[in-house]
Amino acid sequence: DFDFFVVVDFEATCVKDARIFPQEIIEFPAVLVDGATGRIESAFRRYVRPKHHPVLTQFCRELTGIRQEDVDGGVDLGEALWLHDAWLKAATAGAGNKRSVRLAVVTWGDWDCRTMLEFECRFKGIEKPSYFDQWINLRVPFQAALGGGGRVNLQEAVRAAGLDWEGRLHCGLDDARNTARLLAELMRRGVKITITGSLAAPPPMQKQPARTSPCGGSPALASAPPPIQQQPARTGPFAPAVAPLRRACATAGWRAEET
């Protein structure tokens, strides 16, 4: 059903045995997988410079392998999203003469798209491409095919599928590559891969009746929160390339990773 899968696995700021607020993405990796063959076609990675907690904790550095100089030399999240979209456009440019590319984002768990990216974009007033608004949580088809329950982590799932783990656990790009390999193995076994998660559409705005000023004159509009300041829209390979943010993850739980 899809021409390509884009496997992502974000790494974020974290502290040991505690929550950090706001949590921020520090590694933005993606792996492009051919939807017909399961072959890895291209890979992308940018380190992201955190704004609110610019100095990584020792725990974060040791967990992820990300060095302080990596994030110091990184880009902000808005630029990382733009660079990712440009990479995706170039990497899928040869997908025949189709008017549009059928693309699905793949994650291990719902944290990357439902919680981390959505909250940080909302918190910072950053617009993101609409293809991040729905995704395939690979844990769902994996459990349907091989079982294991909800406690199986990514490394255990890879090994349960008969594959060797490659690279470093909690390196975002290595995690994304291993997720892509697991995806290809499930495709080889004939497991159906479909969208499992999406962001709910925002409720319709209710128009507030105008209030009359007690001093007369023009009616006073009901007070409303200031709009989120948005960055200029970027163009990309999928229509629409950038969609407005849908909702805030106000109740999100924070952690370093879902692997």
C-alpha atoms as a PDB file:
ATOM      1  CA  ASP A   1       0.000   0.000   0.000  1.00  0.00           C
ATOM      2  CA  PHE A   2       2.975   2.331   0.481  1.00  0.00           C
ATOM      3  CA  ASP A   3       5.778   3.304  -1.873  1.00  0.00           C
ATOM      4  CA  PHE A   4       8.127   4.078   1.005  1.00  0.00           C
ATOM      5  CA  PHE A   5       8.410   3.767   4.747  1.00  0.00           C
ATOM      6  CA  VAL A   6      10.324   6.378   6.758  1.00  0.00           C
ATOM      7  CA  VAL A   7      11.605   4.871  10.008  1.00  0.00           C
ATOM      8  CA  VAL A   8      12.392   7.398  12.761  1.00  0.00           C
ATOM      9  CA  ASP A   9      13.746   6.996  16.278  1.00  0.00           C
ATOM     10  CA  PHE A  10      14.362  10.249  18.148  1.00  0.00           C
ATOM     11  CA  GLU A  11      16.750  10.663  21.052  1.00  0.00           C
ATOM     12  CA  ALA A  12      15.971  13.381  23.591  1.00  0.00           C
ATOM     13  CA  THR A  13      17.382  15.162  26.616  1.00  0.00           C
ATOM     14  CA  CYS A  14      17.065  13.123  29.795  1.00  0.00           C
ATOM     15  CA  VAL A  15      18.204  12.787  33.395  1.00  0.00           C
ATOM     16  CA  LYS A  16      18.603   9.682  35.525  1.00  0.00           C
ATOM     17  CA  ASP A  17      15.602   8.611  37.628  1.00  0.00           C
ATOM     18  CA  ALA A  18      13.740  11.889  37.043  1.00  0.00           C
ATOM     19  CA  ARG A  19      11.716  13.827  34.500  1.00  0.00           C
ATOM     20  CA  ILE A  20      13.025  16.775  32.534  1.00  0.00           C
ATOM     21  CA  PHE A  21      10.831  19.604  31.265  1.00  0.00           C
ATOM     22  CA  PRO A  22      10.702  20.497  28.528  1.00  0.00           C
ATOM     23  CA  GLN A  23      12.222  17.412  26.976  1.00  0.00           C
ATOM     24  CA  GLU A  24      13.889  18.202  23.638  1.00  0.00           C
ATOM     25  CA  ILE A  25      14.984  16.124  20.657  1.00  0.00           C
ATOM     26  CA  ILE A  26      18.763  15.975  20.298  1.00  0.00           C
ATOM     27  CA  GLU A  27      19.115  13.382  17.506  1.00  0.00           C
ATOM     28  CA  PHE A  28      16.820  13.327  14.471  1.00  0.00           C
ATOM     29  CA  PRO A  29      17.476  10.154  12.430  1.00  0.00           C
ATOM     30  CA  ALA A  30      15.459   8.591   9.626  1.00  0.00           C
ATOM     31  CA  VAL A  31      15.843   5.561   7.376  1.00  0.00           C
ATOM     32  CA  LEU A  32      14.020   5.286   4.040  1.00  0.00           C
ATOM     33  CA  VAL A  33      12.746   1.792   3.180  1.00  0.00           C
ATOM     34  CA  ASP A  34      11.390   0.678  -0.187  1.00  0.00           C
ATOM     35  CA  GLY A  35       7.753  -0.303   0.347  1.00  0.00           C
ATOM     36  CA  ALA A  36       7.927  -3.141  -2.186  1.00  0.00           C
ATOM     37  CA  THR A  37      11.285  -4.758  -1.427  1.00  0.00           C
ATOM     38  CA  GLY A  38      12.042  -3.762   2.181  1.00  0.00           C
ATOM     39  CA  ARG A  39      15.455  -2.544   1.089  1.00  0.00           C
ATOM     40  CA  ILE A  40      17.015   0.420   2.876  1.00  0.00           C
ATOM     41  CA  GLU A  41      17.374   3.152   0.263  1.00  0.00           C
ATOM     42  CA  SER A  42      18.826   6.085   2.199  1.00  0.00           C
ATOM     43  CA  ALA A  43      19.494   7.407   5.697  1.00  0.00           C
ATOM     44  CA  PHE A  44      19.371  10.822   7.334  1.00  0.00           C
ATOM     45  CA  ARG A  45      20.636  12.205  10.624  1.00  0.00           C
ATOM     46  CA  ARG A  46      20.962  15.639  12.180  1.00  0.00           C
ATOM     47  CA  TYR A  47      21.907  16.477  15.732  1.00  0.00           C
ATOM     48  CA  VAL A  48      19.603  19.042  17.270  1.00  0.00           C
ATOM     49  CA  ARG A  49      20.689  21.808  19.628  1.00  0.00           C
ATOM     50  CA  PRO A  50      18.441  21.915  22.726  1.00  0.00           C
ATOM     51  CA  LYS A  51      17.311  25.367  23.807  1.00  0.00           C
ATOM     52  CA  HIS A  52      16.079  24.910  27.377  1.00  0.00           C
ATOM     53  CA  HIS A  53      18.640  22.358  28.610  1.00  0.00           C
ATOM     54  CA  PRO A  54      21.652  23.009  26.361  1.00  0.00           C
ATOM     55  CA  VAL A  55      24.134  21.043  28.505  1.00  0.00           C
ATOM     56  CA  LEU A  56      23.596  17.282  28.302  1.00  0.00           C
ATOM     57  CA  THR A  57      23.664  15.309  31.530  1.00  0.00           C
ATOM     58  CA  GLN A  58      26.301  12.633  31.995  1.00  0.00           C
ATOM     59  CA  PHE A  59      23.501  10.067  32.039  1.00  0.00           C
ATOM     60  CA  CYS A  60      22.211  11.312  28.662  1.00  0.00           C
ATOM     61  CA  ARG A  61      25.662  11.267  27.082  1.00  0.00           C
ATOM     62  CA  GLU A  62      26.380   7.741  28.297  1.00  0.00           C
ATOM     63  CA  LEU A  63      22.929   6.417  27.330  1.00  0.00           C
ATOM     64  CA  THR A  64      22.868   7.788  23.794  1.00  0.00           C
ATOM     65  CA  GLY A  65      26.550   8.158  22.934  1.00  0.00           C
ATOM     66  CA  ILE A  66      25.826  11.750  21.888  1.00  0.00           C
ATOM     67  CA  ARG A  67      28.613  14.155  22.790  1.00  0.00           C
ATOM     68  CA  GLN A  68      28.179  17.716  23.965  1.00  0.00           C
ATOM     69  CA  GLU A  69      29.976  18.959  20.865  1.00  0.00           C
ATOM     70  CA  ASP A  70      27.476  17.085  18.678  1.00  0.00           C
ATOM     71  CA  VAL A  71      24.527  19.108  19.970  1.00  0.00           C
ATOM     72  CA  ASP A  72      26.546  22.329  20.262  1.00  0.00           C
ATOM     73  CA  GLY A  73      27.165  22.066  16.519  1.00  0.00           C
ATOM     74  CA  GLY A  74      23.624  20.952  15.758  1.00  0.00           C
ATOM     75  CA  VAL A  75      20.663  22.781  14.245  1.00  0.00           C
ATOM     76  CA  ASP A  76      17.394  23.815  15.849  1.00  0.00           C
ATOM     77  CA  LEU A  77      14.387  21.523  15.479  1.00  0.00           C
ATOM     78  CA  GLY A  78      12.695  23.654  12.823  1.00  0.00           C
ATOM     79  CA  GLU A  79      15.757  23.448  10.578  1.00  0.00           C
ATOM     80  CA  ALA A  80      16.108  19.710  11.231  1.00  0.00           C
ATOM     81  CA  LEU A  81      12.528  19.222  10.032  1.00  0.00           C
ATOM     82  CA  TRP A  82      13.208  21.286   6.910  1.00  0.00           C
ATOM     83  CA  LEU A  83      16.435  19.379   6.157  1.00  0.00           C
ATOM     84  CA  HIS A  84      14.633  16.074   6.664  1.00  0.00           C
ATOM     85  CA  ASP A  85      11.890  17.115   4.256  1.00  0.00           C
ATOM     86  CA  ALA A  86      14.468  18.166   1.643  1.00  0.00           C
ATOM     87  CA  TRP A  87      16.292  14.836   2.045  1.00  0.00           C
ATOM     88  CA  LEU A  88      13.021  12.948   1.662  1.00  0.00           C
ATOM     89  CA  LYS A  89      12.126  14.869  -1.483  1.00  0.00           C
ATOM     90  CA  ALA A  90      15.494  14.085  -3.060  1.00  0.00           C
ATOM     91  CA  ALA A  91      15.475  10.438  -1.961  1.00  0.00           C
ATOM     92  CA  THR A  92      12.018   9.756  -3.420  1.00  0.00           C
ATOM     93  CA  ALA A  93      12.428  11.838  -6.582  1.00  0.00           C
ATOM     94  CA  GLY A  94      12.885   8.773  -8.776  1.00  0.00           C
ATOM     95  CA  ALA A  95       9.676   7.039  -7.689  1.00  0.00           C
ATOM     96  CA  GLY A  96       8.258   6.860 -11.213  1.00  0.00           C
ATOM     97  CA  ASN A  97       5.796   9.281 -12.724  1.00  0.00           C
ATOM     98  CA  LYS A  98       3.296   9.129  -9.897  1.00  0.00           C
ATOM     99  CA  ARG A  99       1.572  12.346  -8.956  1.00  0.00           C
ATOM    100  CA  SER A 100       2.176  11.708  -5.274  1.00  0.00           C
ATOM    101  CA  VAL A 101       4.309   9.373  -3.192  1.00  0.00           C
ATOM    102  CA  ARG A 102       2.515   7.072  -0.767  1.00  0.00           C
ATOM    103  CA  LEU A 103       4.538   7.368   2.408  1.00  0.00           C
ATOM    104  CA  ALA A 104       4.183   6.075   5.972  1.00  0.00           C
ATOM    105  CA  VAL A 105       6.253   6.927   9.030  1.00  0.00           C
ATOM    106  CA  VAL A 106       7.316   3.893  11.095  1.00  0.00           C
ATOM    107  CA  THR A 107       8.307   3.925  14.769  1.00  0.00           C
ATOM    108  CA  TRP A 108       8.808   1.443  17.584  1.00  0.00           C
ATOM    109  CA  GLY A 109       6.093   2.607  19.982  1.00  0.00           C
ATOM    110  CA  ASP A 110       3.947   5.732  19.826  1.00  0.00           C
ATOM    111  CA  TRP A 111       6.294   8.016  21.764  1.00  0.00           C
ATOM    112  CA  ASP A 112       8.219   9.503  18.824  1.00  0.00           C
ATOM    113  CA  CYS A 113       5.246  10.972  16.926  1.00  0.00           C
ATOM    114  CA  ARG A 114       2.397  11.107  19.429  1.00  0.00           C
ATOM    115  CA  THR A 115       4.395  12.530  22.315  1.00  0.00           C
ATOM    116  CA  MET A 116       7.905  13.803  21.635  1.00  0.00           C
ATOM    117  CA  LEU A 117       7.733  15.511  18.238  1.00  0.00           C
ATOM    118  CA  GLU A 118       4.166  16.732  18.682  1.00  0.00           C
ATOM    119  CA  PHE A 119       4.781  18.266  22.094  1.00  0.00           C
ATOM    120  CA  GLU A 120       8.059  19.960  21.240  1.00  0.00           C
ATOM    121  CA  CYS A 121       6.675  21.454  18.022  1.00  0.00           C
ATOM    122  CA  ARG A 122       3.624  22.679  19.875  1.00  0.00           C
ATOM    123  CA  PHE A 123       5.669  24.023  22.777  1.00  0.00           C
ATOM    124  CA  LYS A 124       8.053  25.934  20.491  1.00  0.00           C
ATOM    125  CA  GLY A 125       5.520  27.022  17.859  1.00  0.00           C
ATOM    126  CA  ILE A 126       7.129  24.973  15.072  1.00  0.00           C
ATOM    127  CA  GLU A 127       5.142  23.638  12.125  1.00  0.00           C
ATOM    128  CA  LYS A 128       5.888  20.113  11.000  1.00  0.00           C
ATOM    129  CA  PRO A 129       5.101  18.104   7.851  1.00  0.00           C
ATOM    130  CA  SER A 130       1.695  16.434   7.909  1.00  0.00           C
ATOM    131  CA  TYR A 131       3.136  12.960   7.286  1.00  0.00           C
ATOM    132  CA  PHE A 132       4.213  12.924  10.952  1.00  0.00           C
ATOM    133  CA  ASP A 133       0.541  13.110  12.007  1.00  0.00           C
ATOM    134  CA  GLN A 134       0.005   9.391  11.421  1.00  0.00           C
ATOM    135  CA  TRP A 135       2.363   6.471  11.789  1.00  0.00           C
ATOM    136  CA  ILE A 136       2.877   2.726  12.047  1.00  0.00           C
ATOM    137  CA  ASN A 137       3.853   1.519  15.516  1.00  0.00           C
ATOM    138  CA  LEU A 138       5.812  -1.570  14.432  1.00  0.00           C
ATOM    139  CA  ARG A 139       5.221  -3.122  17.846  1.00  0.00           C
ATOM    140  CA  VAL A 140       1.599  -3.797  16.754  1.00  0.00           C
ATOM    141  CA  PRO A 141       2.288  -5.987  13.666  1.00  0.00           C
ATOM    142  CA  PHE A 142       5.261  -7.575  15.454  1.00  0.00           C
ATOM    143  CA  GLN A 143       3.049  -8.735  18.323  1.00  0.00           C
ATOM    144  CA  ALA A 144       0.382  -9.917  15.895  1.00  0.00           C
ATOM    145  CA  ALA A 145       2.962 -12.072  14.100  1.00  0.00           C
ATOM    146  CA  LEU A 146       5.305 -13.177  16.888  1.00  0.00           C
ATOM    147  CA  GLY A 147       3.550 -12.372  20.171  1.00  0.00           C
ATOM    148  CA  GLY A 148       5.638 -11.365  23.171  1.00  0.00           C
ATOM    149  CA  GLY A 149       3.303  -8.902  24.876  1.00  0.00           C
ATOM    150  CA  GLY A 150       3.742  -5.176  25.354  1.00  0.00           C
ATOM    151  CA  ARG A 151       6.944  -5.423  27.368  1.00  0.00           C
ATOM    152  CA  VAL A 152       9.169  -6.558  24.498  1.00  0.00           C
ATOM    153  CA  ASN A 153      11.696  -3.859  23.669  1.00  0.00           C
ATOM    154  CA  LEU A 154      13.170  -3.191  20.241  1.00  0.00           C
ATOM    155  CA  GLN A 155      16.363  -5.158  20.784  1.00  0.00           C
ATOM    156  CA  GLU A 156      14.414  -8.180  22.053  1.00  0.00           C
ATOM    157  CA  ALA A 157      12.016  -7.932  19.108  1.00  0.00           C
ATOM    158  CA  VAL A 158      14.871  -7.865  16.582  1.00  0.00           C
ATOM    159  CA  ARG A 159      16.392 -10.994  18.123  1.00  0.00           C
ATOM    160  CA  ALA A 160      12.990 -12.721  18.400  1.00  0.00           C
ATOM    161  CA  ALA A 161      12.630 -12.247  14.643  1.00  0.00           C
ATOM    162  CA  GLY A 162      15.893 -14.162  14.125  1.00  0.00           C
ATOM    163  CA  LEU A 163      18.027 -11.097  13.403  1.00  0.00           C
ATOM    164  CA  ASP A 164      21.269  -9.959  15.014  1.00  0.00           C
ATOM    165  CA  TRP A 165      21.297  -6.542  16.619  1.00  0.00           C
ATOM    166  CA  GLU A 166      23.577  -4.130  14.763  1.00  0.00           C
ATOM    167  CA  GLY A 167      25.182  -1.042  16.287  1.00  0.00           C
ATOM    168  CA  ARG A 168      24.637   0.688  19.596  1.00  0.00           C
ATOM    169  CA  LEU A 169      21.354   0.601  21.518  1.00  0.00           C
ATOM    170  CA  HIS A 170      19.937   4.139  22.030  1.00  0.00           C
ATOM    171  CA  CYS A 171      21.935   5.524  19.128  1.00  0.00           C
ATOM    172  CA  GLY A 172      18.986   6.956  17.216  1.00  0.00           C
ATOM    173  CA  LEU A 173      20.287   6.075  13.753  1.00  0.00           C
ATOM    174  CA  ASP A 174      21.262   2.532  14.792  1.00  0.00           C
ATOM    175  CA  ASP A 175      17.859   2.043  16.428  1.00  0.00           C
ATOM    176  CA  ALA A 176      16.145   3.284  13.248  1.00  0.00           C
ATOM    177  CA  ARG A 177      18.224   0.952  11.082  1.00  0.00           C
ATOM    178  CA  ASN A 178      17.370  -2.034  13.281  1.00  0.00           C
ATOM    179  CA  THR A 179      13.682  -1.069  13.205  1.00  0.00           C
ATOM    180  CA  ALA A 180      13.932  -0.914   9.406  1.00  0.00           C
ATOM    181  CA  ARG A 181      15.482  -4.396   9.325  1.00  0.00           C
ATOM    182  CA  LEU A 182      12.690  -5.719  11.549  1.00  0.00           C
ATOM    183  CA  LEU A 183      10.138  -4.072   9.245  1.00  0.00           C
ATOM    184  CA  ALA A 184      11.690  -5.801   6.235  1.00  0.00           C
ATOM    185  CA  GLU A 185      11.595  -9.160   8.020  1.00  0.00           C
ATOM    186  CA  LEU A 186       7.913  -8.762   8.867  1.00  0.00           C
ATOM    187  CA  MET A 187       7.221  -7.811   5.244  1.00  0.00           C
ATOM    188  CA  ARG A 188       9.089 -10.937   4.108  1.00  0.00           C
ATOM    189  CA  ARG A 189       6.843 -13.030   6.356  1.00  0.00           C
ATOM    190  CA  GLY A 190       3.749 -11.524   4.779  1.00  0.00           C
ATOM    191  CA  VAL A 191       2.655  -9.519   7.820  1.00  0.00           C
ATOM    192  CA  LYS A 192       0.228  -6.741   6.891  1.00  0.00           C
ATOM    193  CA  ILE A 193       1.704  -3.311   7.632  1.00  0.00           C
ATOM    194  CA  THR A 194      -0.920  -0.611   8.157  1.00  0.00           C
ATOM    195  CA  ILE A 195      -1.299   2.708   9.975  1.00  0.00           C
ATOM    196  CA  THR A 196      -1.779   2.137  13.710  1.00  0.00           C
ATOM    197  CA  GLY A 197      -1.727   5.633  15.211  1.00  0.00           C
ATOM    198  CA  SER A 198      -2.665   9.198  14.375  1.00  0.00           C
ATOM    199  CA  LEU A 199      -3.193  12.567  15.985  1.00  0.00           C
ATOM    200  CA  ALA A 200      -6.803  13.431  16.625  1.00  0.00           C
ATOM    201  CA  ALA A 201      -8.216  16.316  14.633  1.00  0.00           C
ATOM    202  CA  PRO A 202      -8.696  19.438  16.768  1.00  0.00           C
ATOM    203  CA  PRO A 203     -12.276  20.149  17.887  1.00  0.00           C
ATOM    204  CA  PRO A 204     -14.120  22.817  15.869  1.00  0.00           C
ATOM    205  CA  MET A 205     -13.718  26.351  17.142  1.00  0.00           C
ATOM    206  CA  GLN A 206     -16.821  27.736  18.828  1.00  0.00           C
ATOM    207  CA  LYS A 207     -17.521  31.337  18.004  1.00  0.00           C
ATOM    208  CA  GLN A 208     -17.769  33.504  21.104  1.00  0.00           C
ATOM    209  CA  PRO A 209     -20.550  36.123  21.150  1.00  0.00           C
ATOM    210  CA  ALA A 210     -19.320  39.688  21.262  1.00  0.00           C
ATOM    211  CA  ARG A 211     -19.543  41.433  24.622  1.00  0.00           C
ATOM    212  CA  THR A 212     -20.745  45.041  24.862  1.00  0.00           C
ATOM    213  CA  SER A 213     -18.410  47.431  26.601  1.00  0.00           C
ATOM    214  CA  PRO A 214     -19.924  48.868  29.803  1.00  0.00           C
ATOM    215  CA  CYS A 215     -18.666  52.270  28.691  1.00  0.00           C
ATOM    216  CA  GLY A 216     -20.426  52.098  25.330  1.00  0.00           C
ATOM    217  CA  GLY A 217     -18.719  52.341  21.991  1.00  0.00           C
ATOM    218  CA  SER A 218     -17.553  49.376  19.950  1.00  0.00           C
ATOM    219  CA  PRO A 219     -18.277  45.885  21.250  1.00  0.00           C
ATOM    220  CA  ALA A 220     -15.359  44.309  23.090  1.00  0.00           C
ATOM    221  CA  LEU A 221     -14.256  40.981  21.687  1.00  0.00           C
ATOM    222  CA  ALA A 222     -14.023  38.096  24.100  1.00  0.00           C
ATOM    223  CA  SER A 223     -10.458  37.584  25.214  1.00  0.00           C
ATOM    224  CA  ALA A 224      -8.551  34.759  23.568  1.00  0.00           C
ATOM    225  CA  PRO A 225      -5.055  33.363  24.015  1.00  0.00           C
ATOM    226  CA  PRO A 226      -2.455  34.777  21.631  1.00  0.00           C
ATOM    227  CA  PRO A 227      -1.851  32.653  18.539  1.00  0.00           C
ATOM    228  CA  ILE A 228       1.258  30.490  18.330  1.00  0.00           C
ATOM    229  CA  GLN A 229       3.979  32.213  16.368  1.00  0.00           C
ATOM    230  CA  GLN A 230       4.717  30.013  13.384  1.00  0.00           C
ATOM    231  CA  GLN A 231       7.789  29.697  11.215  1.00  0.00           C
ATOM    232  CA  PRO A 232       7.519  30.219   7.437  1.00  0.00           C
ATOM    233  CA  ALA A 233       6.069  27.140   5.771  1.00  0.00           C
ATOM    234  CA  ARG A 234       8.501  24.873   3.951  1.00  0.00           C
ATOM    235  CA  THR A 235       7.755  23.012   0.790  1.00  0.00           C
ATOM    236  CA  GLY A 236       8.277  19.280   0.460  1.00  0.00           C
ATOM    237  CA  PRO A 237       7.380  16.237  -1.624  1.00  0.00           C
ATOM    238  CA  PHE A 238       4.021  15.509  -0.063  1.00  0.00           C
ATOM    239  CA  ALA A 239       0.858  17.585  -0.244  1.00  0.00           C
ATOM    240  CA  PRO A 240       0.442  19.464   1.932  1.00  0.00           C
ATOM    241  CA  ALA A 241       4.132  19.595   2.742  1.00  0.00           C
ATOM    242  CA  VAL A 242       3.606  21.247   6.088  1.00  0.00           C
ATOM    243  CA  ALA A 243       0.396  21.068   8.062  1.00  0.00           C
ATOM    244  CA  PRO A 244      -0.681  23.095  11.070  1.00  0.00           C
ATOM    245  CA  LEU A 245      -0.137  21.523  14.409  1.00  0.00           C
ATOM    246  CA  ARG A 246      -3.080  19.506  15.639  1.00  0.00           C
ATOM    247  CA  ARG A 247      -2.948  19.445  19.411  1.00  0.00           C
ATOM    248  CA  ALA A 248      -0.781  19.824  22.500  1.00  0.00           C
ATOM    249  CA  CYS A 249       0.391  16.760  24.364  1.00  0.00           C
ATOM    250  CA  ALA A 250      -0.350  18.356  27.692  1.00  0.00           C
ATOM    251  CA  THR A 251      -0.652  15.042  29.450  1.00  0.00           C
ATOM    252  CA  ALA A 252       2.407  13.476  27.899  1.00  0.00           C
ATOM    253  CA  GLY A 253       4.657  11.298  30.042  1.00  0.00           C
ATOM    254  CA  TRP A 254       8.362  12.004  29.699  1.00  0.00           C
ATOM    255  CA  ARG A 255      11.171   9.546  29.267  1.00  0.00           C
ATOM    256  CA  ALA A 256      14.337   9.141  27.302  1.00  0.00           C
ATOM    257  CA  GLU A 257      13.307   6.479  24.808  1.00  0.00           C
ATOM    258  CA  GLU A 258      10.836   3.737  23.973  1.00  0.00           C
ATOM    259  CA  THR A 259      13.095   0.886  22.941  1.00  0.00           C
END
